Protein backbone atom coordinates (compact mmCIF):
# COMPACT_ATOMS: atom_id res chain seq x y z
CA MET A 1 15.53 -5.48 -22.54
CA ASN A 2 16.90 -2.64 -20.71
CA THR A 3 19.69 -3.02 -18.15
CA PRO A 4 18.43 -2.68 -14.68
CA SER A 5 19.67 0.49 -12.83
CA TYR A 6 19.09 1.91 -9.49
CA GLN A 7 17.65 5.70 -9.83
CA PRO A 8 17.44 7.24 -6.55
CA ILE A 9 14.79 9.77 -6.10
CA THR A 10 14.53 11.95 -3.09
CA LYS A 11 11.52 13.74 -2.11
CA ASP A 12 11.87 16.90 -3.59
CA GLU A 13 12.04 15.79 -6.87
CA ILE A 14 8.40 13.99 -7.01
CA VAL A 15 5.99 15.90 -8.91
CA LEU A 16 3.57 16.62 -6.21
CA MET A 17 -0.39 17.27 -7.49
CA GLU A 18 -3.03 18.39 -4.80
CA LYS A 19 -6.53 19.41 -5.34
CA ASP A 20 -9.80 18.73 -3.81
CA GLY A 21 -8.32 17.11 -0.49
CA VAL A 22 -5.84 14.39 -2.51
CA GLN A 23 -2.26 14.49 -2.94
CA PHE A 24 -0.55 12.79 -6.23
CA ARG A 25 2.67 12.18 -6.25
CA LEU A 26 4.13 11.18 -9.07
CA VAL A 27 7.53 9.36 -9.06
CA SER A 28 7.43 7.69 -12.44
CA GLY A 29 5.56 7.93 -15.77
CA LYS A 30 3.04 10.48 -17.37
CA PHE A 31 -0.41 11.60 -15.63
CA GLU A 32 -2.00 14.89 -16.03
CA GLY A 33 0.31 16.67 -18.58
CA GLN A 34 2.86 15.93 -15.85
CA THR A 35 5.81 13.70 -16.00
CA GLY A 36 7.72 11.84 -12.71
CA PRO A 37 11.08 11.97 -12.15
CA GLY A 38 11.90 8.49 -12.57
CA LYS A 39 13.70 6.89 -15.91
CA SER A 40 9.91 4.24 -16.04
CA ASN A 41 7.41 5.02 -18.40
CA VAL A 42 5.51 2.79 -15.76
CA LEU A 43 2.43 5.09 -13.74
CA THR A 44 3.99 4.96 -10.40
CA ALA A 45 2.16 6.95 -7.98
CA MET A 46 1.60 7.32 -3.96
CA ILE A 47 -2.02 8.91 -3.59
CA ARG A 48 -2.92 10.36 0.20
CA MET A 49 -6.40 11.43 0.55
CA VAL A 50 -8.33 12.76 2.99
CA ALA A 51 -11.90 11.15 4.29
CA GLY A 52 -14.58 11.78 2.01
CA SER A 53 -12.68 12.94 -0.75
CA ASN A 54 -12.48 11.29 -4.53
CA LYS A 55 -9.97 10.71 -7.27
CA THR A 56 -11.02 9.59 -10.49
CA ILE A 57 -7.79 7.66 -12.44
CA SER A 58 -8.92 6.45 -15.92
CA LEU A 59 -6.18 3.62 -17.42
CA PRO A 60 -6.13 1.85 -20.50
CA GLU A 61 -8.01 -1.33 -19.88
CA THR A 62 -4.67 -3.05 -21.46
CA ASN A 63 -2.89 -1.94 -18.23
CA ASN A 64 -2.06 -3.94 -15.22
CA VAL A 65 -2.67 -2.24 -12.23
CA LEU A 66 -1.54 -2.54 -8.38
CA LEU A 67 -3.24 -0.72 -5.53
CA TYR A 68 -1.54 -0.87 -1.99
CA VAL A 69 -4.09 0.70 0.47
CA LEU A 70 -2.37 1.62 3.49
CA GLU A 71 -5.22 2.83 5.30
CA GLY A 72 -9.09 3.35 4.38
CA GLY A 73 -11.04 1.88 1.42
CA ILE A 74 -11.10 2.67 -2.06
CA THR A 75 -13.90 2.13 -4.95
CA VAL A 76 -12.60 0.70 -8.08
CA ASN A 77 -15.39 0.54 -11.46
CA GLY A 78 -18.25 1.17 -8.90
CA GLU A 79 -16.84 -1.94 -6.81
CA LYS A 80 -15.59 -1.80 -2.95
CA ALA A 81 -11.88 -3.26 -4.10
CA ALA A 82 -9.39 -2.81 -0.97
CA LYS A 83 -9.39 -1.78 2.61
CA GLY A 84 -6.31 -0.94 4.32
CA PHE A 85 -4.62 -2.01 7.57
CA ASN A 86 -7.47 -3.57 9.93
CA SER A 87 -8.29 -5.32 13.02
CA GLY A 88 -8.66 -8.61 10.78
CA ILE A 89 -5.41 -7.88 9.73
CA ILE A 90 -4.10 -7.35 12.97
CA TYR A 91 -5.66 -10.47 14.20
CA LEU A 92 -4.20 -12.80 11.91
CA MET A 93 -0.61 -10.96 13.19
CA LEU A 94 -1.27 -11.92 16.62
CA THR A 95 -2.68 -15.48 16.18
CA PRO A 96 0.86 -17.33 15.86
CA PHE A 97 2.08 -15.74 19.02
CA ALA A 98 -1.11 -16.52 20.71
CA ILE A 99 -0.64 -19.80 19.35
CA MET A 100 2.93 -19.89 20.89
CA GLY A 101 1.65 -18.87 23.85
CA TYR A 102 -0.73 -21.18 24.99
CA VAL A 103 1.33 -24.24 23.75
CA GLY A 104 4.35 -22.25 26.03
CA TYR A 105 1.81 -22.35 28.96
CA ARG A 106 0.60 -25.62 28.64
CA TRP A 107 4.36 -27.08 28.56
CA TRP A 108 5.32 -25.07 31.72
CA LYS A 109 1.87 -26.34 33.69
CA ASN A 110 2.80 -30.17 32.44
CA ASN A 111 6.57 -29.96 33.84
CA GLU A 112 5.87 -27.59 36.49
CA GLU A 113 6.96 -30.15 38.88
CA ASN A 114 10.34 -30.77 37.16
CA LEU A 115 11.43 -27.58 37.11
């Protein structure tokens, strides 16, 4: 096992590949004949796509893959796999605040005469 380390990588060092509305920023590993500046062999990339564009990425079946979608949606192996930051997530984030607001209001109404 290698000793853990930190490697600063600037935006200008990241390999940028652009084609047909797809920006593929390769941070580490190898992809389509390019090698990212990171010392790791793990494929790490940031992908930005305009609406309606497509990008096919073929990886070995033995690879573990993490996709983090910020906005929009993706299809993996022919199935809709993920959606980005949507209204459902917003509702989940706001629910605790709504509950605390309701509890606070009820407490205030019940104790209004004592204040």
